[in-house]
C-alpha atoms as a PDB file:
ATOM      1  CA  TYR A   1     -41.095 -64.805 105.204  1.00  0.00           C
ATOM      2  CA  LYS A   2     -42.208 -65.614 108.720  1.00  0.00           C
ATOM      3  CA  THR A   3     -45.739 -65.864 110.067  1.00  0.00           C
ATOM      4  CA  TYR A   4     -46.496 -65.115 113.713  1.00  0.00           C
ATOM      5  CA  THR A   5     -49.704 -65.966 115.587  1.00  0.00           C
ATOM      6  CA  ILE A   6     -50.811 -64.461 118.897  1.00  0.00           C
ATOM      7  CA  GLU A   7     -52.050 -66.703 121.700  1.00  0.00           C
ATOM      8  CA  ASN A   8     -55.431 -65.810 123.193  1.00  0.00           C
ATOM      9  CA  ARG A   9     -54.723 -66.199 126.910  1.00  0.00           C
ATOM     10  CA  SER A  10     -58.395 -65.870 127.852  1.00  0.00           C
ATOM     11  CA  VAL A  11     -59.145 -69.099 125.917  1.00  0.00           C
ATOM     12  CA  PRO A  12     -56.350 -71.614 126.612  1.00  0.00           C
ATOM     13  CA  GLY A  13     -54.934 -73.258 123.492  1.00  0.00           C
ATOM     14  CA  SER A  14     -56.539 -70.784 121.084  1.00  0.00           C
ATOM     15  CA  LYS A  15     -55.075 -68.017 118.989  1.00  0.00           C
ATOM     16  CA  TYR A  16     -56.456 -64.689 117.841  1.00  0.00           C
ATOM     17  CA  ALA A  17     -57.994 -64.568 114.346  1.00  0.00           C
ATOM     18  CA  PHE A  18     -55.165 -62.490 112.891  1.00  0.00           C
ATOM     19  CA  ILE A  19     -51.514 -63.085 112.124  1.00  0.00           C
ATOM     20  CA  PHE A  20     -48.417 -61.014 111.488  1.00  0.00           C
ATOM     21  CA  ASP A  21     -46.127 -61.693 108.536  1.00  0.00           C
ATOM     22  CA  ASP A  22     -42.587 -60.365 108.687  1.00  0.00           C
ATOM     23  CA  ILE A  23     -40.467 -59.801 105.589  1.00  0.00           C
ATOM     24  CA  MET A  24     -37.048 -58.441 104.686  1.00  0.00           C
ATOM     25  CA  GLY A  25     -37.039 -54.647 104.401  1.00  0.00           C
ATOM     26  CA  LEU A  26     -37.036 -52.557 101.245  1.00  0.00           C
ATOM     27  CA  GLU A  27     -33.865 -50.845 100.118  1.00  0.00           C
ATOM     28  CA  ALA A  28     -33.331 -48.111  97.547  1.00  0.00           C
ATOM     29  CA  ALA A  29     -31.049 -50.187  95.296  1.00  0.00           C
ATOM     30  CA  GLU A  30     -32.849 -52.297  92.688  1.00  0.00           C
ATOM     31  CA  ASP A  31     -30.996 -55.405  93.853  1.00  0.00           C
ATOM     32  CA  GLY A  32     -31.198 -54.565  97.564  1.00  0.00           C
ATOM     33  CA  GLY A  33     -33.745 -55.726 100.102  1.00  0.00           C
ATOM     34  CA  VAL A  34     -36.975 -57.445  99.200  1.00  0.00           C
ATOM     35  CA  GLN A  35     -38.167 -57.193  95.593  1.00  0.00           C
ATOM     36  CA  VAL A  36     -41.359 -55.149  95.090  1.00  0.00           C
ATOM     37  CA  ASP A  37     -42.855 -58.039  93.088  1.00  0.00           C
ATOM     38  CA  ASP A  38     -42.307 -60.323  96.095  1.00  0.00           C
ATOM     39  CA  VAL A  39     -44.191 -57.926  98.374  1.00  0.00           C
ATOM     40  CA  ILE A  40     -47.065 -57.913  95.878  1.00  0.00           C
ATOM     41  CA  SER A  41     -46.968 -61.727  95.674  1.00  0.00           C
ATOM     42  CA  ALA A  42     -47.108 -61.872  99.483  1.00  0.00           C
ATOM     43  CA  LEU A  43     -50.145 -59.562  99.496  1.00  0.00           C
ATOM     44  CA  LYS A  44     -51.879 -61.930  97.087  1.00  0.00           C
ATOM     45  CA  GLY A  45     -51.017 -64.966  99.243  1.00  0.00           C
ATOM     46  CA  HIS A  46     -48.588 -66.532  96.790  1.00  0.00           C
ATOM     47  CA  ILE A  47     -45.616 -66.827  99.184  1.00  0.00           C
ATOM     48  CA  LYS A  48     -45.473 -69.745 101.604  1.00  0.00           C
ATOM     49  CA  ASP A  49     -44.292 -69.389 105.182  1.00  0.00           C
ATOM     50  CA  GLY A  50     -40.550 -69.889 105.497  1.00  0.00           C
ATOM     51  CA  TYR A  51     -39.591 -68.464 102.098  1.00  0.00           C
ATOM     52  CA  LYS A  52     -36.200 -66.736 102.158  1.00  0.00           C
ATOM     53  CA  PHE A  53     -36.326 -63.581 100.037  1.00  0.00           C
ATOM     54  CA  ASN A  54     -33.615 -63.119  97.423  1.00  0.00           C
ATOM     55  CA  PRO A  55     -32.626 -59.468  96.902  1.00  0.00           C
ATOM     56  CA  GLY A  56     -31.354 -60.319  93.408  1.00  0.00           C
ATOM     57  CA  SER A  57     -34.536 -61.869  92.003  1.00  0.00           C
ATOM     58  CA  SER A  58     -38.194 -62.310  92.850  1.00  0.00           C
ATOM     59  CA  LEU A  59     -40.038 -65.568  93.505  1.00  0.00           C
ATOM     60  CA  SER A  60     -41.101 -67.463  90.392  1.00  0.00           C
ATOM     61  CA  GLU A  61     -44.200 -69.600  89.878  1.00  0.00           C
ATOM     62  CA  ARG A  62     -41.865 -72.592  89.482  1.00  0.00           C
ATOM     63  CA  ASP A  63     -40.428 -72.160  92.987  1.00  0.00           C
ATOM     64  CA  LEU A  64     -41.489 -74.648  95.694  1.00  0.00           C
ATOM     65  CA  CYS A  65     -42.417 -71.741  97.989  1.00  0.00           C
ATOM     66  CA  TYR A  66     -44.894 -70.328  95.440  1.00  0.00           C
ATOM     67  CA  ASN A  67     -48.508 -70.888  96.522  1.00  0.00           C
ATOM     68  CA  HIS A  68     -50.499 -71.391  93.317  1.00  0.00           C
ATOM     69  CA  CYS A  69     -53.924 -71.495  94.990  1.00  0.00           C
ATOM     70  CA  PRO A  70     -53.917 -69.101  97.955  1.00  0.00           C
ATOM     71  CA  SER A  71     -56.873 -69.273 100.309  1.00  0.00           C
ATOM     72  CA  TRP A  72     -58.543 -66.211 101.794  1.00  0.00           C
ATOM     73  CA  GLY A  73     -56.449 -66.776 104.924  1.00  0.00           C
ATOM     74  CA  ASP A  74     -53.199 -66.793 102.920  1.00  0.00           C
ATOM     75  CA  LYS A  75     -53.824 -63.297 101.575  1.00  0.00           C
ATOM     76  CA  VAL A  76     -52.786 -60.080 103.311  1.00  0.00           C
ATOM     77  CA  HIS A  77     -55.718 -57.858 104.242  1.00  0.00           C
ATOM     78  CA  CYS A  78     -53.789 -55.020 105.877  1.00  0.00           C
ATOM     79  CA  ILE A  79     -50.243 -53.844 105.242  1.00  0.00           C
ATOM     80  CA  VAL A  80     -48.178 -51.792 107.658  1.00  0.00           C
ATOM     81  CA  THR A  81     -44.862 -50.244 106.690  1.00  0.00           C
ATOM     82  CA  VAL A  82     -42.483 -49.163 109.424  1.00  0.00           C
ATOM     83  CA  VAL A  83     -40.080 -46.322 108.645  1.00  0.00           C
ATOM     84  CA  ALA A  84     -37.709 -44.791 111.183  1.00  0.00           C
ATOM     85  CA  ALA A  85     -38.955 -41.268 111.927  1.00  0.00           C
ATOM     86  CA  ASP A  86     -35.456 -39.828 111.701  1.00  0.00           C
ATOM     87  CA  ARG A  87     -35.103 -41.219 108.147  1.00  0.00           C
ATOM     88  CA  LEU A  88     -38.439 -40.141 106.699  1.00  0.00           C
ATOM     89  CA  ALA A  89     -37.316 -36.672 105.592  1.00  0.00           C
ATOM     90  CA  ILE A  90     -34.232 -38.060 103.847  1.00  0.00           C
ATOM     91  CA  MET A  91     -35.866 -41.110 102.272  1.00  0.00           C
ATOM     92  CA  ASP A  92     -34.363 -41.930  98.891  1.00  0.00           C
ATOM     93  CA  ASN A  93     -36.599 -41.247  95.862  1.00  0.00           C
ATOM     94  CA  GLU A  94     -36.272 -44.902  94.762  1.00  0.00           C
ATOM     95  CA  MET A  95     -37.679 -46.013  98.122  1.00  0.00           C
ATOM     96  CA  VAL A  96     -40.638 -43.682  97.682  1.00  0.00           C
ATOM     97  CA  LYS A  97     -41.264 -45.130  94.195  1.00  0.00           C
ATOM     98  CA  LYS A  98     -41.205 -48.676  95.591  1.00  0.00           C
ATOM     99  CA  GLN A  99     -43.630 -47.719  98.378  1.00  0.00           C
ATOM    100  CA  LYS A 100     -46.002 -46.094  95.884  1.00  0.00           C
ATOM    101  CA  LYS A 101     -45.952 -49.145  93.603  1.00  0.00           C
ATOM    102  CA  ILE A 102     -46.765 -51.450  96.519  1.00  0.00           C
ATOM    103  CA  ARG A 103     -49.546 -49.139  97.740  1.00  0.00           C
ATOM    104  CA  LEU A 104     -51.051 -48.952  94.239  1.00  0.00           C
ATOM    105  CA  GLU A 105     -51.085 -52.742  93.875  1.00  0.00           C
ATOM    106  CA  ALA A 106     -52.465 -53.197  97.399  1.00  0.00           C
ATOM    107  CA  SER A 107     -55.332 -50.804  96.655  1.00  0.00           C
ATOM    108  CA  LYS A 108     -56.374 -53.020  93.719  1.00  0.00           C
ATOM    109  CA  LEU A 109     -56.931 -56.044  95.966  1.00  0.00           C
END
């Protein structure tokens, strides 16, 4: 889980008021790619910067990278999913289910 800030060149030393968070991609297999529960935890601000996703299991509240008290700034307020255009028509049904689950949870926030 990596956070990126963007420098505001018009005001030296300052950054824009938004950030980008990059995570491991989803995969169709249940034990492949990022876990859906981890994406939802990231949306809620529970994952600290630098966390290394484990395709075999999701982050637990006992983990050192679990943020128990996320601030407003820790939470994700917009999610963008990138899918290769040449793969969209042949996307696996399991991938679609994962995307729908994430979208449903995101809409509740």
